Amino acid sequence: MPERGFIAGRCMLSTREIEVLRSWLISDSKRDVAVELFVTEATVHTHLARIRDKYAAAGRPAPSKVALFVRAVEDGYCTIADVADVIDQQNAESSRRFDIAV
């Protein structure tokens, strides 16, 4: 019987863990995630630690942000296109702010 938290190698993340993970993958810091999700930075840290624990228990460690991104894509929690779209939007907003300031 598989351990709680994953089925046949795929980690089963809670809805909130998925939300935190997706937000963190496109953010510069845990603090930014905390502000966006109206939680404390410690709460973000706890969710990410639990996510990492689940992946480690499944024999698929994810010790870095890049490794978590790879695992999230492998398990279908996000796609490369999802992250790229958000980054493109952020870059466009930054460019517009720069144009206005100049």
Protein backbone atom coordinates (compact mmCIF):
# COMPACT_ATOMS: atom_id res chain seq x y z
CA MET A 1 0.00 0.00 0.00
CA PRO A 2 1.47 3.41 -0.92
CA GLU A 3 2.24 5.87 1.84
CA ARG A 4 -0.18 8.72 2.40
CA GLY A 5 0.61 11.67 0.16
CA PHE A 6 1.39 9.88 -3.09
CA ILE A 7 -0.01 7.26 -5.43
CA ALA A 8 2.34 5.21 -7.62
CA GLY A 9 5.10 7.82 -7.46
CA ARG A 10 2.88 10.86 -8.07
CA CYS A 11 2.73 13.12 -5.06
CA MET A 12 -0.78 14.06 -4.04
CA LEU A 13 -0.63 17.68 -2.98
CA SER A 14 -3.47 19.51 -1.28
CA THR A 15 -5.22 22.33 -3.08
CA ARG A 16 -3.46 24.86 -0.86
CA GLU A 17 -0.06 23.22 -1.38
CA ILE A 18 -0.57 23.43 -5.14
CA GLU A 19 -1.55 27.10 -4.83
CA VAL A 20 1.54 27.88 -2.74
CA LEU A 21 3.82 25.90 -5.05
CA ARG A 22 2.53 27.58 -8.22
CA SER A 23 2.80 31.01 -6.66
CA TRP A 24 6.30 30.35 -5.39
CA LEU A 25 7.50 29.11 -8.76
CA ILE A 26 6.71 32.49 -10.30
CA SER A 27 7.73 34.67 -7.36
CA ASP A 28 11.06 36.05 -6.27
CA SER A 29 10.61 35.15 -2.62
CA LYS A 30 8.50 33.39 -0.03
CA ARG A 31 7.63 36.82 1.29
CA ASP A 32 6.06 37.75 -2.06
CA VAL A 33 4.01 34.54 -1.95
CA ALA A 34 2.89 35.30 1.60
CA VAL A 35 1.69 38.76 0.61
CA GLU A 36 -0.11 37.44 -2.46
CA LEU A 37 -1.88 34.63 -0.55
CA PHE A 38 -2.54 36.61 2.65
CA VAL A 39 -0.55 34.25 4.88
CA THR A 40 2.69 34.53 6.81
CA GLU A 41 6.07 33.75 5.35
CA ALA A 42 6.33 30.93 7.92
CA THR A 43 3.14 29.38 6.50
CA VAL A 44 4.62 29.45 3.00
CA HIS A 45 7.79 27.84 4.34
CA THR A 46 5.74 25.12 6.08
CA HIS A 47 3.77 24.31 2.92
CA LEU A 48 6.95 24.09 0.85
CA ALA A 49 8.60 21.86 3.48
CA ARG A 50 5.59 19.52 3.43
CA ILE A 51 5.67 19.40 -0.36
CA ARG A 52 9.37 18.54 -0.29
CA ASP A 53 8.72 15.87 2.36
CA LYS A 54 6.06 14.28 0.16
CA TYR A 55 8.41 14.16 -2.81
CA ALA A 56 11.22 12.73 -0.68
CA ALA A 57 8.86 10.05 0.69
CA ALA A 58 7.96 9.15 -2.89
CA GLY A 59 11.65 8.67 -3.69
CA ARG A 60 11.68 11.80 -5.83
CA PRO A 61 13.54 14.42 -3.82
CA ALA A 62 13.16 18.08 -4.76
CA PRO A 63 15.72 20.02 -2.73
CA SER A 64 15.72 23.18 -4.87
CA LYS A 65 13.23 25.48 -6.53
CA VAL A 66 14.20 24.14 -9.95
CA ALA A 67 13.74 20.55 -8.75
CA LEU A 68 10.28 21.42 -7.39
CA PHE A 69 9.40 22.98 -10.74
CA VAL A 70 10.45 19.80 -12.53
CA ARG A 71 8.38 17.65 -10.13
CA ALA A 72 5.35 19.94 -10.49
CA VAL A 73 5.53 19.64 -14.28
CA GLU A 74 6.04 15.86 -14.09
CA ASP A 75 2.98 15.50 -11.85
CA GLY A 76 0.79 17.85 -13.86
CA TYR A 77 0.47 20.60 -11.25
CA CYS A 78 1.70 23.18 -13.75
CA THR A 79 3.16 23.36 -17.21
CA ILE A 80 6.16 25.16 -18.57
CA ALA A 81 3.72 27.28 -20.60
CA ASP A 82 1.83 28.28 -17.42
CA VAL A 83 4.99 29.63 -15.84
CA ALA A 84 6.23 31.21 -19.08
CA ASP A 85 2.91 33.03 -19.55
CA VAL A 86 3.08 34.55 -16.08
CA ILE A 87 6.71 35.56 -16.55
CA ASP A 88 5.82 37.17 -19.90
CA GLN A 89 3.00 39.12 -18.21
CA GLN A 90 5.34 40.25 -15.43
CA ASN A 91 7.95 41.36 -17.95
CA ALA A 92 5.35 43.27 -19.96
CA GLU A 93 4.12 45.05 -16.82
CA SER A 94 7.68 45.95 -15.86
CA SER A 95 8.31 47.28 -19.34
CA ARG A 96 5.15 49.42 -19.24
CA ARG A 97 6.13 50.85 -15.85
CA PHE A 98 9.56 51.69 -17.22
CA ASP A 99 8.04 53.37 -20.30
CA ILE A 100 5.77 55.48 -18.10
CA ALA A 101 8.64 56.48 -15.82
CA VAL A 102 10.88 57.57 -18.69
